[in-house]
Protein backbone atom coordinates (compact mmCIF):
# COMPACT_ATOMS: atom_id res chain seq x y z
CA MET A 1 -0.14 0.05 -0.19
CA THR A 2 1.24 3.69 -0.88
CA ALA A 3 1.34 6.00 2.23
CA PRO A 4 -0.13 9.12 1.62
CA ALA A 5 2.82 11.96 1.39
CA ARG A 6 3.03 14.33 4.28
CA VAL A 7 2.81 17.75 3.15
CA PRO A 8 3.06 21.21 5.19
CA ARG A 9 -0.88 22.42 5.90
CA ARG A 10 0.08 25.82 5.17
CA THR A 11 -1.48 27.62 2.45
CA VAL A 12 0.54 28.55 -0.63
CA GLY A 13 0.15 31.67 -2.38
CA GLY A 14 -2.14 33.52 0.02
CA SER A 15 -4.59 32.92 2.79
CA ARG A 16 -7.49 30.52 2.92
CA SER A 17 -9.33 32.70 4.99
CA GLY A 18 -11.00 34.49 1.75
CA TRP A 19 -13.09 33.12 -0.96
CA GLN A 20 -12.37 30.05 -2.49
CA PRO A 21 -14.30 28.62 -5.58
CA PRO A 22 -15.73 25.26 -5.36
CA ARG A 23 -12.81 22.86 -6.66
CA ALA A 24 -14.88 21.61 -9.67
CA LEU A 25 -15.75 25.02 -10.78
CA LEU A 26 -12.15 25.94 -10.64
CA VAL A 27 -11.14 23.05 -13.06
CA VAL A 28 -13.73 23.47 -15.33
CA ALA A 29 -12.98 27.49 -15.65
CA VAL A 30 -9.44 26.59 -16.08
CA VAL A 31 -9.90 24.08 -18.89
CA VAL A 32 -11.87 26.34 -20.66
CA VAL A 33 -9.78 29.20 -20.37
CA ALA A 34 -6.66 26.99 -21.38
CA LEU A 35 -8.71 25.87 -24.34
CA LEU A 36 -9.29 29.33 -25.72
CA LEU A 37 -5.98 30.79 -24.63
CA THR A 38 -4.28 28.04 -26.56
CA ASP A 39 -6.54 28.27 -29.79
CA ALA A 40 -7.19 24.54 -29.19
CA VAL A 41 -10.79 25.22 -29.78
CA ALA A 42 -9.94 26.33 -33.37
CA GLN A 43 -8.44 23.18 -34.12
CA ALA A 44 -11.33 21.35 -32.41
CA VAL A 45 -14.16 22.99 -34.61
CA THR A 46 -12.18 23.82 -37.90
CA PRO A 47 -9.48 20.94 -37.78
CA TYR A 48 -6.36 20.58 -39.79
CA ILE A 49 -5.88 16.87 -40.36
CA ARG A 50 -2.36 15.46 -41.37
CA ARG A 51 -2.23 13.23 -44.58
CA ASP A 52 -1.35 10.20 -42.47
CA ASP A 53 -4.51 10.54 -40.16
CA TRP A 54 -7.02 10.95 -43.14
CA PRO A 55 -6.88 6.95 -43.62
CA TYR A 56 -8.37 6.87 -39.84
CA LEU A 57 -11.40 9.03 -40.60
CA LEU A 58 -12.32 7.37 -44.12
CA PRO A 59 -14.38 3.96 -45.05
CA PRO A 60 -12.22 1.16 -46.25
CA HIS A 61 -10.95 1.29 -49.81
CA THR A 62 -11.03 4.76 -50.23
CA ALA A 63 -8.83 5.76 -53.38
CA TYR A 64 -5.24 6.90 -52.34
CA ALA A 65 -5.75 6.15 -48.71
CA THR A 66 -3.53 3.92 -46.74
CA ASP A 67 -5.22 0.63 -45.93
CA VAL A 68 -5.68 0.98 -42.10
CA TYR A 69 -5.72 -2.78 -41.41
CA ALA A 70 -1.97 -2.88 -43.13
CA LYS A 71 -0.55 -0.33 -41.21
CA ASN A 72 -0.33 -2.64 -38.19
CA LEU A 73 2.36 -4.66 -39.91
CA ASN A 74 4.40 -1.23 -39.70
CA GLU A 75 3.47 0.18 -36.49
CA GLY A 76 1.32 -2.63 -34.51
CA ARG A 77 -1.24 -0.26 -33.06
CA TRP A 78 -3.89 -2.39 -32.92
CA LEU A 79 -6.28 -0.61 -30.85
CA ASN A 80 -5.90 2.33 -32.96
CA TYR A 81 -7.24 -0.30 -35.76
CA VAL A 82 -10.15 -1.31 -33.39
CA TRP A 83 -11.09 2.41 -32.86
CA TRP A 84 -11.30 3.06 -36.75
CA LEU A 85 -13.54 0.03 -37.01
CA VAL A 86 -16.02 0.83 -34.48
CA VAL A 87 -15.85 4.93 -34.44
CA GLY A 88 -13.09 6.50 -36.94
CA GLN A 89 -14.49 5.31 -40.06
CA HIS A 90 -18.34 6.28 -39.10
CA GLY A 91 -17.21 10.15 -37.82
CA THR A 92 -15.60 13.08 -39.46
CA ALA A 93 -12.65 15.26 -39.06
CA ILE A 94 -14.45 17.69 -36.77
CA SER A 95 -15.85 14.81 -34.30
CA ALA A 96 -12.57 13.35 -34.59
CA ALA A 97 -10.96 16.51 -33.40
CA LEU A 98 -13.36 17.38 -30.73
CA THR A 99 -13.18 14.06 -29.46
CA TYR A 100 -9.34 14.34 -29.33
CA VAL A 101 -9.26 17.86 -27.64
CA ALA A 102 -11.84 16.64 -24.83
CA ALA A 103 -9.64 13.50 -24.38
CA TYR A 104 -6.95 15.69 -23.33
CA ALA A 105 -8.74 18.07 -21.54
CA LEU A 106 -9.94 14.98 -19.23
CA PHE A 107 -6.28 13.67 -19.24
CA VAL A 108 -4.97 17.26 -17.96
CA ALA A 109 -7.74 17.17 -15.35
CA GLY A 110 -7.02 13.91 -13.82
CA LEU A 111 -3.22 14.85 -13.91
CA TRP A 112 -3.83 18.00 -11.84
CA ARG A 113 -5.84 16.09 -9.71
CA LEU A 114 -3.08 13.59 -9.28
CA VAL A 115 -0.48 16.46 -8.30
CA ARG A 116 -2.89 18.20 -6.22
CA ARG A 117 -3.11 15.34 -3.74
CA ARG A 118 0.79 15.75 -3.37
CA LEU A 119 0.75 19.40 -2.36
CA PRO A 120 -0.45 21.65 0.50
CA PRO A 121 -3.59 23.55 0.24
CA LEU A 122 -3.35 26.37 -2.58
CA HIS A 123 -4.42 29.73 -3.16
CA TRP A 124 -7.23 29.24 -5.95
CA ALA A 125 -5.07 31.59 -8.25
CA VAL A 126 -1.79 29.12 -7.97
CA ASP A 127 -4.08 26.33 -8.33
CA ALA A 128 -5.45 27.78 -11.64
CA LEU A 129 -1.62 28.50 -12.46
CA LEU A 130 -0.70 24.97 -11.85
CA GLY A 131 -3.63 23.50 -14.16
CA LEU A 132 -2.54 26.02 -17.12
CA ALA A 133 1.13 24.97 -16.73
CA LEU A 134 0.05 21.25 -16.93
CA PHE A 135 -2.13 22.01 -20.07
CA GLY A 136 0.35 23.82 -22.00
CA SER A 137 2.59 20.66 -23.21
CA VAL A 138 4.77 22.25 -25.92
CA LEU A 139 4.97 18.59 -27.39
CA TRP A 140 1.64 17.51 -26.88
CA VAL A 141 0.40 20.27 -29.35
CA ARG A 142 2.48 18.87 -32.15
CA LEU A 143 -0.01 15.95 -32.10
CA LEU A 144 -3.21 17.54 -32.41
CA TYR A 145 -3.27 16.95 -36.17
CA TRP A 146 -3.57 13.31 -35.81
CA PRO A 147 -7.06 13.08 -33.97
CA GLY A 148 -8.26 10.01 -35.71
CA THR A 149 -5.45 8.01 -35.17
CA LEU A 150 -4.29 9.26 -31.74
CA THR A 151 -7.52 9.76 -29.85
CA PRO A 152 -7.29 6.06 -28.29
CA SER A 153 -3.91 6.81 -27.01
CA VAL A 154 -5.18 10.14 -25.16
CA LEU A 155 -8.24 8.11 -23.79
CA VAL A 156 -5.72 5.65 -22.28
CA ALA A 157 -3.61 8.21 -20.87
CA ALA A 158 -6.74 9.82 -19.25
CA ALA A 159 -7.91 6.81 -17.89
CA GLY A 160 -4.50 5.88 -16.72
CA VAL A 161 -4.27 9.19 -14.45
CA TRP A 162 -7.72 8.85 -13.30
CA THR A 163 -7.60 5.35 -11.99
CA LEU A 164 -3.93 5.56 -10.57
CA PRO A 165 -4.85 6.82 -7.01
CA ALA A 166 -7.37 4.14 -6.38
CA ALA A 167 -4.89 1.44 -8.11
CA SER A 168 -1.97 2.63 -5.84
CA ARG A 169 -3.69 1.71 -2.59
CA ARG A 170 -2.70 -2.09 -3.00
CA ARG A 171 0.55 -3.57 -4.63
CA SER A 172 -1.55 -6.08 -6.61
CA HIS A 173 -3.74 -3.34 -8.15
CA LEU A 174 -1.14 -1.45 -8.86
CA ALA A 175 0.69 -4.18 -10.66
CA LEU A 176 -2.30 -4.80 -12.55
CA TRP A 177 -2.83 -0.99 -13.47
CA LEU A 178 1.13 -0.66 -14.64
CA LEU A 179 0.54 -3.99 -16.84
CA VAL A 180 -2.75 -2.77 -18.42
CA THR A 181 -2.08 0.85 -18.95
CA THR A 182 1.44 0.02 -20.35
CA VAL A 183 0.08 -2.61 -22.92
CA LEU A 184 -2.70 -0.79 -23.95
CA ALA A 185 -0.33 2.58 -24.55
CA VAL A 186 1.99 0.44 -26.63
CA LEU A 187 -0.83 -0.83 -28.87
CA THR A 188 -1.94 2.78 -29.27
CA TYR A 189 0.95 4.99 -29.20
CA PRO A 190 3.92 3.88 -27.13
CA PRO A 191 4.86 7.50 -26.15
CA VAL A 192 2.18 7.53 -23.57
CA ALA A 193 3.43 4.87 -21.57
CA ALA A 194 6.64 6.97 -20.62
CA VAL A 195 4.00 9.83 -19.58
CA LEU A 196 2.31 7.30 -17.26
CA VAL A 197 5.23 5.84 -15.68
CA VAL A 198 6.47 9.47 -14.64
CA CYS A 199 3.02 10.04 -13.32
CA LEU A 200 3.33 6.82 -11.31
CA ALA A 201 6.65 8.02 -9.82
CA LEU A 202 4.97 11.29 -8.76
CA GLN A 203 1.63 9.09 -7.03
CA LEU A 204 4.37 6.75 -5.37
CA GLY A 205 5.75 9.82 -3.38
CA ALA A 206 9.08 8.86 -2.01
CA PRO A 207 9.19 5.10 -1.68
CA SER A 208 12.52 2.96 -1.13
CA TRP A 209 14.81 3.15 -4.06
CA ARG A 210 14.53 -0.86 -3.73
CA ARG A 211 10.62 -0.43 -4.25
CA LEU A 212 11.12 2.22 -7.18
CA ALA A 213 13.62 -0.10 -8.94
CA LEU A 214 11.01 -2.81 -8.75
CA VAL A 215 8.55 -0.56 -10.01
CA GLY A 216 10.74 0.32 -13.00
CA LEU A 217 11.18 -3.24 -13.70
CA GLY A 218 7.59 -3.93 -13.79
CA PHE A 219 7.16 -1.29 -16.40
CA LEU A 220 9.91 -2.63 -18.52
CA LEU A 221 8.34 -6.08 -18.35
CA ALA A 222 4.91 -4.60 -19.06
CA TYR A 223 6.31 -2.95 -22.02
CA ALA A 224 7.75 -6.03 -23.25
CA VAL A 225 4.44 -7.89 -22.81
CA GLY A 226 2.84 -5.00 -24.97
CA ILE A 227 5.61 -5.53 -27.99
CA GLY A 228 4.81 -9.35 -27.33
CA VAL A 229 1.09 -8.88 -28.18
CA ILE A 230 2.13 -6.94 -31.25
CA TYR A 231 4.39 -9.68 -32.54
CA VAL A 232 1.59 -12.55 -31.90
CA LEU A 233 -1.27 -10.53 -33.43
CA ASN A 234 1.28 -9.58 -36.36
CA ALA A 235 2.10 -13.30 -36.67
CA ILE A 236 -1.56 -14.11 -36.92
CA ALA A 237 -2.67 -11.65 -39.27
CA PHE A 238 0.09 -11.23 -41.54
CA GLY A 239 2.55 -14.21 -40.85
CA HIS A 240 5.19 -11.83 -39.89
CA PRO A 241 6.18 -12.16 -36.00
CA GLY A 242 7.08 -8.70 -35.39
CA ILE A 243 7.14 -5.29 -37.09
CA VAL A 244 8.49 -4.24 -40.24
CA VAL A 245 9.90 -0.69 -39.88
CA ALA A 246 9.21 1.40 -42.52
CA ALA A 247 12.05 2.42 -44.84
CA TRP A 248 11.39 6.23 -44.31
CA ARG A 249 12.17 5.49 -40.50
CA ARG A 250 15.69 4.77 -41.41
CA PRO A 251 16.08 1.58 -39.48
CA ASN A 252 19.52 0.39 -38.81
CA PRO A 253 19.24 -3.21 -36.84
CA LEU A 254 22.19 -3.81 -34.71
CA THR A 255 24.27 -6.73 -35.99
CA SER A 256 27.74 -5.16 -35.51
CA LEU A 257 29.88 -2.96 -33.49
CA TYR A 258 29.53 -0.31 -36.25
CA ASP A 259 25.97 -0.34 -36.10
CA ALA A 260 26.17 0.27 -32.40
CA LYS A 261 28.33 3.21 -32.97
CA VAL A 262 25.75 4.55 -35.45
CA ASN A 263 22.82 3.80 -33.38
CA THR A 264 24.27 5.56 -30.40
CA LEU A 265 25.46 8.59 -32.24
CA ARG A 266 21.76 8.67 -33.38
CA ALA A 267 20.07 8.48 -29.94
CA LEU A 268 22.79 11.35 -29.01
CA ARG A 269 21.52 13.43 -31.89
CA SER A 270 18.02 12.67 -31.00
CA LEU A 271 18.41 13.96 -27.57
CA ALA A 272 20.08 16.98 -28.64
CA ARG A 273 17.04 17.72 -31.15
CA LEU A 274 14.90 17.45 -28.27
CA GLY A 275 16.62 19.80 -25.93
CA VAL A 276 16.66 22.27 -28.77
CA ALA A 277 12.85 21.82 -29.44
CA VAL A 278 11.85 22.33 -25.66
CA TRP A 279 14.87 24.46 -24.47
CA PRO A 280 13.04 27.30 -22.94
CA ALA A 281 10.62 25.20 -20.92
CA LEU A 282 13.82 23.06 -20.33
CA VAL A 283 15.90 26.17 -18.85
CA VAL A 284 12.78 26.53 -16.30
CA GLY A 285 12.87 22.92 -15.45
CA VAL A 286 16.43 23.17 -14.73
CA VAL A 287 16.13 25.65 -12.21
CA ALA A 288 13.24 24.09 -10.78
CA VAL A 289 15.16 20.83 -10.28
CA ALA A 290 18.17 22.51 -8.83
CA VAL A 291 16.08 24.29 -6.05
CA GLY A 292 14.06 21.33 -5.49
CA LEU A 293 17.23 19.20 -4.77
CA TRP A 294 18.36 22.01 -2.63
CA ASP A 295 15.30 21.78 -0.39
CA ARG A 296 15.52 18.61 1.57
CA SER A 297 11.68 18.52 2.16
CA VAL A 298 10.86 17.91 -1.50
CA ARG A 299 14.13 16.42 -2.84
CA PRO A 300 13.21 12.73 -2.24
CA ARG A 301 10.14 13.20 -4.39
CA VAL A 302 11.98 15.43 -7.23
CA LEU A 303 14.57 12.49 -7.28
CA ARG A 304 11.98 9.84 -7.92
CA VAL A 305 10.56 11.86 -10.80
CA LEU A 306 13.83 12.13 -12.24
CA ALA A 307 14.61 8.59 -11.80
CA ALA A 308 11.24 7.78 -13.80
CA ALA A 309 12.35 10.30 -16.63
CA ALA A 310 16.01 8.57 -16.86
CA LEU A 311 14.41 5.21 -17.08
CA VAL A 312 12.32 6.53 -20.15
CA VAL A 313 15.16 8.07 -21.70
CA GLY A 314 17.15 4.78 -21.07
CA LEU A 315 14.36 2.85 -22.60
CA GLY A 316 14.26 5.20 -25.66
CA ALA A 317 17.91 4.68 -26.33
CA LEU A 318 17.92 1.22 -25.93
CA GLN A 319 15.36 0.97 -28.74
CA THR A 320 17.39 3.35 -30.92
CA LEU A 321 20.43 1.00 -30.35
CA VAL A 322 18.58 -2.10 -31.20
CA THR A 323 16.71 -0.66 -34.03
CA GLY A 324 18.44 2.46 -35.21
CA VAL A 325 14.92 4.04 -35.17
CA VAL A 326 14.65 7.69 -33.31
CA THR A 327 11.73 9.07 -31.96
CA ASP A 328 10.67 12.60 -33.12
CA PRO A 329 10.75 15.22 -30.55
CA ARG A 330 7.24 15.43 -30.84
CA GLY A 331 6.73 11.73 -29.37
CA GLU A 332 8.67 12.53 -26.14
CA LEU A 333 5.53 13.63 -24.48
CA TRP A 334 7.36 12.56 -20.95
CA VAL A 335 9.21 15.59 -21.19
CA TRP A 336 6.55 18.23 -20.06
CA PRO A 337 5.38 16.35 -16.88
CA ALA A 338 9.28 15.92 -16.18
CA VAL A 339 9.52 19.65 -16.26
CA VAL A 340 6.21 20.72 -14.76
CA LEU A 341 6.14 18.15 -11.89
CA PRO A 342 9.39 19.41 -10.11
CA ALA A 343 8.14 23.02 -10.25
CA ALA A 344 4.93 21.96 -8.88
CA LEU A 345 6.69 19.97 -6.13
CA LEU A 346 8.53 22.98 -4.62
CA LEU A 347 4.83 24.31 -3.58
CA ALA A 348 5.36 21.72 -0.84
CA GLY A 349 8.79 22.92 0.13
CA SER A 350 10.20 25.87 2.04
CA ARG A 351 8.50 29.30 1.44
CA ARG A 352 11.34 30.38 -0.85
CA SER A 353 10.64 26.99 -2.96
CA ALA A 354 7.38 27.71 -3.01
CA ARG A 355 7.99 31.17 -4.47
CA VAL A 356 10.17 29.78 -6.93
CA GLY A 357 7.86 26.98 -7.73
CA VAL A 358 4.80 29.77 -8.55
CA GLY A 359 7.50 31.69 -10.65
CA ALA A 360 8.35 28.67 -12.73
CA LEU A 361 4.69 27.22 -13.13
CA ALA A 362 3.98 30.98 -14.24
CA ALA A 363 6.80 30.77 -16.84
CA LEU A 364 5.68 27.51 -17.92
CA ALA A 365 2.33 28.44 -18.34
CA VAL A 366 3.23 31.35 -20.54
CA ILE A 367 5.66 29.19 -22.66
CA GLY A 368 3.18 26.62 -23.11
CA THR A 369 0.31 28.89 -24.38
CA LEU A 370 2.41 30.89 -26.76
CA THR A 371 3.65 27.78 -27.99
CA TRP A 372 0.16 26.45 -28.39
CA ARG A 373 -0.97 29.48 -30.24
CA ALA A 374 2.18 29.70 -32.60
CA ASP A 375 1.62 25.79 -33.56
CA VAL A 376 -2.20 25.82 -33.83
CA GLY A 377 -2.17 29.22 -35.53
CA ASP A 378 0.36 27.94 -38.23
CA HIS A 379 -1.71 25.07 -38.80
CA GLN A 380 -5.07 26.78 -39.05
CA ALA A 381 -3.24 29.38 -41.70
CA SER A 382 -2.87 26.10 -43.84
CA GLN A 383 -6.17 25.01 -43.13
CA ARG A 384 -7.98 27.99 -44.09
CA ARG A 385 -5.96 28.28 -47.44
CA TYR A 386 -6.44 24.66 -48.43
CA ALA A 387 -10.28 24.84 -47.20
CA ALA A 388 -10.74 27.62 -49.86
CA LEU A 389 -8.93 26.03 -52.65
CA ALA A 390 -11.11 23.02 -51.89
CA GLN A 391 -14.54 25.13 -51.89
CA GLU A 392 -13.47 26.83 -54.93
CA ALA A 393 -12.52 23.99 -57.08
CA THR A 394 -15.61 21.85 -56.02
CA ALA A 395 -18.31 24.76 -56.44
CA LEU A 396 -21.17 23.31 -58.52
CA ARG A 397 -21.62 24.23 -62.48
CA PRO A 398 -24.57 26.61 -62.99
CA ASP A 399 -26.60 23.11 -64.15
CA GLY A 400 -25.72 21.88 -60.59
CA SER A 401 -23.13 19.22 -61.51
CA ARG A 402 -19.99 18.81 -59.74
CA PRO A 403 -16.82 19.51 -61.90
CA LEU A 404 -13.92 16.66 -62.66
CA VAL A 405 -11.13 17.96 -60.42
CA VAL A 406 -7.56 17.04 -60.70
CA LEU A 407 -4.54 17.68 -58.86
CA TYR A 408 -1.24 19.25 -60.06
CA GLN A 409 1.90 19.81 -58.37
CA ALA A 410 5.45 20.71 -59.31
CA PRO A 411 7.46 17.65 -60.16
CA ARG A 412 10.27 18.69 -58.14
CA GLU A 413 8.12 19.05 -54.97
CA ARG A 414 5.94 16.05 -55.89
CA ALA A 415 9.00 14.11 -55.65
CA THR A 416 9.88 15.01 -51.91
CA ALA A 417 8.20 13.75 -48.63
CA ARG A 418 7.14 17.15 -47.65
CA GLY A 419 5.38 17.72 -50.98
CA ARG A 420 3.61 14.58 -50.86
CA ILE A 421 2.37 15.21 -47.39
CA THR A 422 0.94 18.64 -48.52
CA ALA A 423 -0.73 17.13 -51.70
CA GLY A 424 -2.18 14.28 -49.79
CA THR A 425 -3.51 16.70 -47.13
CA LEU A 426 -5.00 18.95 -49.96
CA GLN A 427 -6.40 15.97 -51.64
CA MET A 428 -8.38 14.62 -49.07
CA MET A 429 -9.72 18.06 -47.96
CA ILE A 430 -11.19 18.16 -51.49
CA ARG A 431 -12.59 14.61 -50.92
CA ALA A 432 -14.33 16.16 -48.19
CA GLU A 433 -15.87 18.98 -49.99
CA SER A 434 -16.96 16.93 -52.94
CA GLY A 435 -19.03 14.33 -50.98
CA GLY A 436 -16.67 11.73 -51.21
CA VAL A 437 -15.09 11.63 -54.51
CA VAL A 438 -11.43 11.88 -54.20
CA PRO A 439 -9.51 13.75 -56.99
CA ARG A 440 -6.99 12.06 -59.27
CA TRP A 441 -3.68 13.53 -60.68
CA CYS A 442 -3.43 15.18 -63.68
CA ARG A 443 -2.60 13.14 -66.78
CA PRO A 444 0.52 14.63 -68.64
CA ALA A 445 -1.28 16.37 -71.13
CA GLU A 446 -3.40 18.06 -68.91
CA CYS A 447 -0.26 18.80 -66.36
CA THR A 448 1.26 20.64 -69.28
CA ARG A 449 -2.07 22.67 -69.63
CA ILE A 450 -2.64 23.45 -66.02
CA ALA A 451 1.02 24.36 -65.17
CA ALA A 452 0.75 26.86 -68.23
CA ARG A 453 -2.06 28.76 -66.85
CA ALA A 454 -1.01 28.51 -63.17
CA PRO A 455 -0.01 31.61 -61.67
CA HIS A 456 3.59 31.58 -60.65
CA ARG A 457 4.54 33.06 -57.00
CA GLY A 458 8.27 32.55 -56.54
CA THR A 459 8.42 28.77 -58.13
CA ALA A 460 5.62 26.65 -59.53
CA GLY A 461 2.72 26.13 -56.77
CA GLY A 462 3.03 29.31 -54.87
CA ALA A 463 0.14 29.79 -52.44
CA GLY A 464 -1.72 27.21 -54.62
CA ALA A 465 -4.43 28.28 -57.29
CA VAL A 466 -7.53 26.64 -59.09
CA VAL A 467 -7.29 26.86 -62.81
CA ARG A 468 -10.16 25.61 -65.17
CA VAL A 469 -9.06 23.91 -68.14
CA GLY A 470 -11.79 23.05 -70.60
CA THR A 471 -14.06 20.60 -68.61
CA LEU A 472 -11.32 20.23 -65.95
CA VAL A 473 -10.81 22.18 -62.65
CA GLY A 474 -7.25 21.77 -61.71
CA VAL A 475 -5.87 22.41 -58.33
CA VAL A 476 -2.24 23.69 -58.09
CA VAL A 477 -0.96 22.29 -54.56
CA PRO A 478 0.85 24.93 -52.59
CA HIS A 479 4.35 24.92 -51.64
CA PRO A 480 4.87 22.51 -48.53
CA PRO A 481 4.73 24.64 -45.43
CA ALA A 482 7.94 25.37 -43.49
CA ARG A 483 7.00 23.38 -40.51
CA LEU A 484 7.41 20.14 -42.46
């Protein structure tokens, strides 16, 4: 059984003698404010959907869409496939985006509840600041554009943090929780498992290092079970016991000392890219950790959170060493709780530590909010541009019929991954506007005529255009956005 953490009873951030809003009202209000401040509402109601997420929102055998079932051979996300069977193919981009954002808000509320159980009474303003800081993950925002694929993983994360307090009351229940949540995460989106193990370190408080080591070993075993389930399911479905890593991930299986050197360097470069991607938050986190290690009253719990983060880093490095595959920074979701939790734990320390904690949470809330607004705003600009092209191209003729729409893209851009991502995204947006008809690529003669009449801004494509050539409507694919 996990003993409840002892926290000082003084109020952090002011006196409790004044008015205190009901806890449920505060949570709802802060989540709503966070959704508005970060522009998450805009993504929910006018979603920008990335090309490789569209297959999880479409019926089977849609032209130009990847087979969702076949993707399991490369990714092993079998629960995502089940979600598509039951929900995804029957919904829309808007319903998927709304579900994703709602699931994320539920996860944040559950994590907020988890943190509050480890802190002294907080002034409502400090409590609200904590909620805003937890919401503004500078990495999770990068996943908003795959709601069809990733909604199951966010639901797993939300269920994990909400059930963790009850599960931690008995060791057998905690072991079961660790097994189930880790396996479910591996079958949806493995980075979520890393987030939950950092949350578990927070919930455990300051157990003995021996017990913490046993929990870490249990996590690794549960992760291995999840991989084993994928191997079995792929063997049954495809006759291949394992995952066939896609070529674009640049796999480099470990077969020699040279491979070990190459993969080790890849792992180190991956960590460096991650540091660059989150450096403002990382600076704040380092300060919070330093103060937490200096304050003896919160040092044990800060160390346990750091140990969980080290475990996750080690697991990721091991996977890169064995396979050569690195995780994109957007998949390192554990970084945000590993940064925010030490700042939050400072609120349970000395008065000086608590003041630093409040400042760190304020900085993280600002960093997170600005990052979300910039990222969502960039994608929303693309969404509006592509939607305008799709609406213009699919506008009904005077006789009420729909035109035949084809795509044109500059050959140089069509040959790149960035170009294909852009074209595929626009292609499926046109499909949504045309009532389910997927536009085909132009044929050589058609391409020549469209290119000749297309307005050129810089190089072929520019901001995109709609060109009418005889009975055809040609859509010139815009330049790939800089973020790709």
